[in-house]
Amino acid sequence: MPQLFTLLILLMAPLYTQSAKAEPITLFAAASLTGVVNEATNLFEKETGIKVRLVFASSSTLARQIEAGASADLYFSANIKWMDYLVKAALIKPETLIKTLSNTLVLISPKYLSLDSLATIDTQTLNDILGDSGLLSMGDPDHVPVGIYGKKALKQRGLWEPLHRRIARADNALAALTLVSRGETPLGIVYQTDAIHQPNVDILFGFEPEETQIEYALALTQQTSSDDAKKLLNFLSSARGLALFEKYGFTILKDYQRSQPN
C-alpha cells in the first residue's frame, strides 16, 4: 500500500507542476497600446509558453484599480504621472521602471466628411467644422492621459478656453477615436498611433511633439514575485519588442537606456 501511494504521488506531481505553470501573468496596459501589446504578447507566448492576461483601459483607471488591490504583475502607462502616483504609493518596484516610448497627437475627422488637411488650427476653423452642435472628442482631460495631453496642446495654442465647453469626454483613447470613426463627433484629438490604424478617419492636423511631451512607462508591480513577469518586461523593452512598437507608429525616447530589472 505505501508503494502504491508513492506511485500515485509521483504520477500526479507533473500535473501539479503543469497547473502552476499555467497560471498567467497579468499586464495592465493603456488602451492606446492595445494593438501592439496584443501582437507582442502573442509572440512572447509562442516563444516562451508563458500565458499573459491583458487588461486594457485608461492609465488612470488601471492605476486606481491597482491602488484598490487589483491583481497585476506589470503596469504599462501612457502617462508618467500615473506611474509616479503608484510609485509614491509603494505599489510599483521603482528599480524596474522603464520610460521607453513616445507618441504624438493628431486632430481627426470622420472620413465621410472628406475634409482637407489643415496647415494650422484656430478657433474659427474648428468652430466652422463643429457647427452649431458638434463636439470635439478627446479623453477626459481630468484624468485620461490622451485628454490631459490634448488639453495641454490646446492651451498652448490659446484654444482651450473657447473650446472647453464643446468637448466630448471619453473614458480612454480608443473610446475617443471611436466617437469620430462612427461619425458621432466631427472632430477628435487622439494619438497618432491610433488614428493611422483606423480607416474611417482622416488626419487633419498633427501637433508638435514638444507641445505634449508624451511618455509611456512600464514597470513591475510591487505585488508580483513572478520571474515570468520579469521575462515579459525584458521582452517588451528589448530591441525586438521596441521594433514592434515602432512598427505601430510609436517612437523610442532618445534618452532611453536599456537596463535589466533587478
Protein backbone atom coordinates (compact mmCIF):
# COMPACT_ATOMS: atom_id res chain seq x y z
CA MET A 1 0.00 0.00 0.00
CA PRO A 2 2.74 2.56 0.82
CA GLN A 3 4.34 1.75 -2.53
CA LEU A 4 1.04 2.36 -4.34
CA PHE A 5 0.64 5.71 -2.54
CA THR A 6 4.15 6.73 -3.52
CA LEU A 7 3.48 5.79 -7.13
CA LEU A 8 0.33 7.93 -7.20
CA ILE A 9 2.24 10.92 -5.82
CA LEU A 10 4.91 10.56 -8.50
CA LEU A 11 2.29 10.32 -11.25
CA MET A 12 0.41 13.37 -10.00
CA ALA A 13 3.46 15.59 -9.48
CA PRO A 14 3.76 16.62 -13.16
CA LEU A 15 0.08 17.61 -13.10
CA TYR A 16 0.67 19.98 -10.18
CA THR A 17 3.71 21.43 -11.96
CA GLN A 18 1.76 21.98 -15.17
CA SER A 19 -1.06 23.62 -13.21
CA ALA A 20 1.37 26.04 -11.57
CA LYS A 21 2.97 26.90 -14.89
CA ALA A 22 -0.44 27.52 -16.45
CA GLU A 23 -1.11 30.47 -14.13
CA PRO A 24 -0.93 33.53 -16.44
CA ILE A 25 0.83 36.77 -15.67
CA THR A 26 -1.31 39.89 -15.84
CA LEU A 27 -0.36 43.04 -17.73
CA PHE A 28 -2.35 46.24 -17.20
CA ALA A 29 -1.79 48.44 -20.26
CA ALA A 30 -3.07 51.77 -21.56
CA ALA A 31 -5.82 51.46 -24.16
CA SER A 32 -3.66 53.15 -26.79
CA LEU A 33 -1.30 50.14 -26.62
CA THR A 34 -3.97 47.57 -27.47
CA GLY A 35 -2.87 46.60 -30.96
CA VAL A 36 0.88 46.43 -30.41
CA VAL A 37 0.70 44.80 -26.98
CA ASN A 38 -1.63 42.11 -28.33
CA GLU A 39 0.85 41.32 -31.10
CA ALA A 40 3.87 41.47 -28.79
CA THR A 41 2.38 39.22 -26.12
CA ASN A 42 1.15 36.72 -28.71
CA LEU A 43 4.73 36.43 -29.94
CA PHE A 44 6.01 36.21 -26.36
CA GLU A 45 3.55 33.40 -25.56
CA LYS A 46 4.52 31.40 -28.66
CA GLU A 47 8.23 31.66 -27.89
CA THR A 48 8.11 31.06 -24.13
CA GLY A 49 4.90 29.15 -23.45
CA ILE A 50 4.10 31.73 -20.76
CA LYS A 51 0.48 32.84 -20.79
CA VAL A 52 -0.36 36.54 -20.45
CA ARG A 53 -3.67 38.02 -19.35
CA LEU A 54 -4.22 41.51 -20.76
CA VAL A 55 -6.32 44.28 -19.25
CA PHE A 56 -6.72 47.50 -21.27
CA ALA A 57 -8.20 50.77 -20.04
CA SER A 58 -7.10 54.35 -19.47
CA SER A 59 -3.88 54.62 -17.48
CA SER A 60 -5.74 56.43 -14.70
CA THR A 61 -8.38 53.69 -14.40
CA LEU A 62 -5.73 50.99 -14.27
CA ALA A 63 -3.73 52.89 -11.65
CA ARG A 64 -6.81 53.25 -9.47
CA GLN A 65 -7.56 49.54 -9.84
CA ILE A 66 -4.03 48.61 -8.76
CA GLU A 67 -4.36 51.00 -5.84
CA ALA A 68 -7.61 49.26 -4.89
CA GLY A 69 -5.89 45.88 -4.83
CA ALA A 70 -6.46 44.51 -8.33
CA SER A 71 -4.09 41.71 -9.28
CA ALA A 72 -1.49 42.88 -11.82
CA ASP A 73 2.12 41.88 -12.44
CA LEU A 74 3.03 44.72 -14.81
CA TYR A 75 1.70 48.21 -15.45
CA PHE A 76 2.21 49.98 -18.80
CA SER A 77 1.10 53.61 -18.53
CA ALA A 78 0.63 56.25 -21.21
CA ASN A 79 1.40 58.95 -18.67
CA ILE A 80 4.41 59.12 -16.38
CA LYS A 81 2.38 60.99 -13.75
CA TRP A 82 0.14 57.97 -13.13
CA MET A 83 3.21 55.75 -12.88
CA ASP A 84 4.72 58.18 -10.37
CA TYR A 85 1.41 58.12 -8.48
CA LEU A 86 1.78 54.35 -7.95
CA VAL A 87 5.49 54.65 -7.15
CA LYS A 88 4.70 57.13 -4.37
CA ALA A 89 2.03 54.74 -3.10
CA ALA A 90 4.71 51.99 -2.94
CA LEU A 91 2.77 49.87 -5.44
CA ILE A 92 5.47 49.79 -8.14
CA LYS A 93 9.01 48.41 -7.99
CA PRO A 94 10.82 51.62 -8.90
CA GLU A 95 14.06 49.86 -9.84
CA THR A 96 12.19 48.19 -12.75
CA LEU A 97 10.61 51.37 -14.13
CA ILE A 98 11.45 51.97 -17.78
CA LYS A 99 10.47 55.02 -19.85
CA THR A 100 10.68 53.83 -23.43
CA LEU A 101 8.07 55.25 -25.79
CA SER A 102 6.62 58.47 -27.06
CA ASN A 103 3.65 59.38 -29.24
CA THR A 104 2.08 62.42 -30.85
CA LEU A 105 -1.41 63.87 -31.02
CA VAL A 106 -3.44 64.49 -34.16
CA LEU A 107 -6.72 66.19 -34.96
CA ILE A 108 -9.04 63.85 -36.84
CA SER A 109 -12.44 63.89 -38.55
CA PRO A 110 -14.75 61.17 -39.92
CA LYS A 111 -13.67 60.09 -43.39
CA TYR A 112 -17.14 60.66 -44.83
CA LEU A 113 -16.75 64.42 -44.26
CA SER A 114 -13.82 64.46 -46.74
CA LEU A 115 -12.19 67.46 -45.08
CA ASP A 116 -8.86 68.82 -46.30
CA SER A 117 -5.83 68.74 -44.06
CA LEU A 118 -5.06 71.94 -42.15
CA ALA A 119 -1.76 73.83 -42.12
CA THR A 120 -2.71 75.30 -38.74
CA ILE A 121 -5.72 75.42 -36.44
CA ASP A 122 -7.59 78.30 -34.84
CA THR A 123 -10.90 78.85 -33.06
CA GLN A 124 -12.79 79.96 -36.15
CA THR A 125 -11.68 76.98 -38.23
CA LEU A 126 -12.59 74.46 -35.55
CA ASN A 127 -15.94 76.09 -34.81
CA ASP A 128 -16.78 76.09 -38.53
CA ILE A 129 -16.20 72.33 -38.64
CA LEU A 130 -18.07 71.70 -35.39
CA GLY A 131 -21.07 73.73 -36.50
CA ASP A 132 -23.79 74.68 -34.04
CA SER A 133 -23.96 71.47 -32.02
CA GLY A 134 -20.91 69.35 -32.87
CA LEU A 135 -18.40 68.29 -30.21
CA LEU A 136 -14.68 67.63 -30.20
CA SER A 137 -13.94 64.14 -28.91
CA MET A 138 -10.97 63.57 -26.60
CA GLY A 139 -10.11 61.66 -23.47
CA ASP A 140 -11.47 63.15 -20.27
CA PRO A 141 -8.86 65.84 -19.52
CA ASP A 142 -9.40 65.42 -15.79
CA HIS A 143 -7.69 62.03 -15.69
CA VAL A 144 -7.29 60.26 -19.08
CA PRO A 145 -3.75 60.76 -20.45
CA VAL A 146 -4.73 61.47 -24.06
CA GLY A 147 -7.17 64.10 -22.76
CA ILE A 148 -4.58 65.58 -20.41
CA TYR A 149 -2.15 65.86 -23.32
CA GLY A 150 -4.88 67.26 -25.58
CA LYS A 151 -5.84 69.95 -23.10
CA LYS A 152 -2.20 70.93 -22.75
CA ALA A 153 -1.80 71.24 -26.52
CA LEU A 154 -4.97 73.30 -26.88
CA LYS A 155 -3.99 75.61 -24.01
CA GLN A 156 -0.61 76.29 -25.58
CA ARG A 157 -2.40 77.39 -28.75
CA GLY A 158 -4.95 79.51 -26.87
CA LEU A 159 -7.78 77.19 -27.91
CA TRP A 160 -8.81 75.57 -24.64
CA GLU A 161 -10.93 78.41 -23.25
CA PRO A 162 -13.04 78.94 -26.38
CA LEU A 163 -13.50 75.19 -26.92
CA HIS A 164 -13.62 73.53 -23.49
CA ARG A 165 -17.43 73.58 -23.37
CA ARG A 166 -17.54 71.71 -26.66
CA ILE A 167 -15.57 68.67 -25.52
CA ALA A 168 -16.98 65.12 -25.65
CA ARG A 169 -15.12 63.47 -22.76
CA ALA A 170 -14.22 59.84 -23.46
CA ASP A 171 -13.18 57.19 -20.93
CA ASN A 172 -9.99 56.26 -22.81
CA ALA A 173 -8.04 56.84 -26.01
CA LEU A 174 -9.86 54.24 -28.10
CA ALA A 175 -13.26 55.50 -26.97
CA ALA A 176 -12.33 58.99 -28.19
CA LEU A 177 -11.28 57.53 -31.54
CA THR A 178 -14.50 55.52 -31.83
CA LEU A 179 -16.69 58.59 -31.43
CA VAL A 180 -15.10 60.08 -34.52
CA SER A 181 -14.85 56.89 -36.58
CA ARG A 182 -18.60 56.34 -36.09
CA GLY A 183 -19.37 59.93 -37.06
CA GLU A 184 -20.76 60.81 -33.64
CA THR A 185 -18.42 63.81 -33.40
CA PRO A 186 -16.99 65.80 -36.33
CA LEU A 187 -13.60 66.27 -34.68
CA GLY A 188 -11.36 64.50 -32.21
CA ILE A 189 -7.90 64.69 -30.70
CA VAL A 190 -6.29 61.26 -30.43
CA TYR A 191 -2.94 59.54 -30.54
CA GLN A 192 -1.38 59.33 -33.98
CA THR A 193 -0.72 55.61 -33.47
CA ASP A 194 -4.47 55.01 -33.08
CA ALA A 195 -5.53 57.25 -35.96
CA ILE A 196 -3.23 55.71 -38.57
CA HIS A 197 -4.77 52.28 -37.99
CA GLN A 198 -8.40 53.46 -38.19
CA PRO A 199 -9.58 53.56 -41.84
CA ASN A 200 -12.73 55.55 -41.08
CA VAL A 201 -10.98 58.75 -40.03
CA ASP A 202 -8.81 61.37 -41.72
CA ILE A 203 -5.92 63.15 -40.02
CA LEU A 204 -6.39 66.89 -40.44
CA PHE A 205 -3.54 68.24 -38.34
CA GLY A 206 -0.59 67.00 -36.31
CA PHE A 207 0.57 68.63 -33.08
CA GLU A 208 4.28 69.05 -32.49
CA PRO A 209 5.84 66.52 -30.05
CA GLU A 210 7.17 69.42 -27.96
CA GLU A 211 3.60 70.57 -27.30
CA THR A 212 2.68 67.43 -25.39
CA GLN A 213 5.88 65.57 -24.39
CA ILE A 214 4.13 62.21 -24.23
CA GLU A 215 5.96 59.48 -22.32
CA TYR A 216 4.96 55.86 -21.75
CA ALA A 217 6.34 53.95 -18.77
CA LEU A 218 6.49 50.24 -17.95
CA ALA A 219 7.25 48.59 -14.62
CA LEU A 220 6.64 45.58 -12.41
CA THR A 221 4.11 46.00 -9.64
CA GLN A 222 5.15 45.64 -6.03
CA GLN A 223 2.82 42.68 -5.56
CA THR A 224 4.46 40.47 -8.20
CA SER A 225 7.16 37.94 -7.46
CA SER A 226 6.88 36.27 -10.85
CA ASP A 227 10.02 35.56 -12.83
CA ASP A 228 7.75 35.27 -15.87
CA ALA A 229 6.68 38.90 -15.38
CA LYS A 230 10.33 39.94 -15.48
CA LYS A 231 10.76 37.98 -18.70
CA LEU A 232 7.83 39.82 -20.27
CA LEU A 233 9.18 43.20 -19.17
CA ASN A 234 12.55 42.30 -20.69
CA PHE A 235 10.90 41.19 -23.93
CA LEU A 236 8.78 44.33 -24.31
CA SER A 237 11.79 46.58 -23.74
CA SER A 238 14.22 44.54 -25.87
CA ALA A 239 15.30 45.52 -29.38
CA ARG A 240 12.74 43.09 -30.84
CA GLY A 241 9.97 44.41 -28.63
CA LEU A 242 10.74 48.03 -29.39
CA ALA A 243 10.79 47.28 -33.12
CA LEU A 244 7.16 46.17 -32.80
CA PHE A 245 6.24 49.47 -31.14
CA GLU A 246 7.95 51.38 -33.94
CA LYS A 247 6.01 49.31 -36.46
CA TYR A 248 2.81 50.64 -34.88
CA GLY A 249 3.99 54.25 -35.12
CA PHE A 250 5.44 54.82 -31.66
CA THR A 251 8.83 56.50 -31.30
CA ILE A 252 11.57 55.41 -28.92
CA LEU A 253 12.65 58.08 -26.46
CA LYS A 254 16.06 59.44 -27.40
CA ASP A 255 17.42 59.21 -23.87
CA TYR A 256 16.11 55.67 -23.34
CA GLN A 257 18.71 53.45 -21.70
CA ARG A 258 18.09 49.70 -21.68
CA SER A 259 18.64 48.20 -18.23
CA GLN A 260 17.84 44.86 -16.73
CA PRO A 261 15.34 44.92 -13.87
CA ASN A 262 16.55 43.53 -10.59
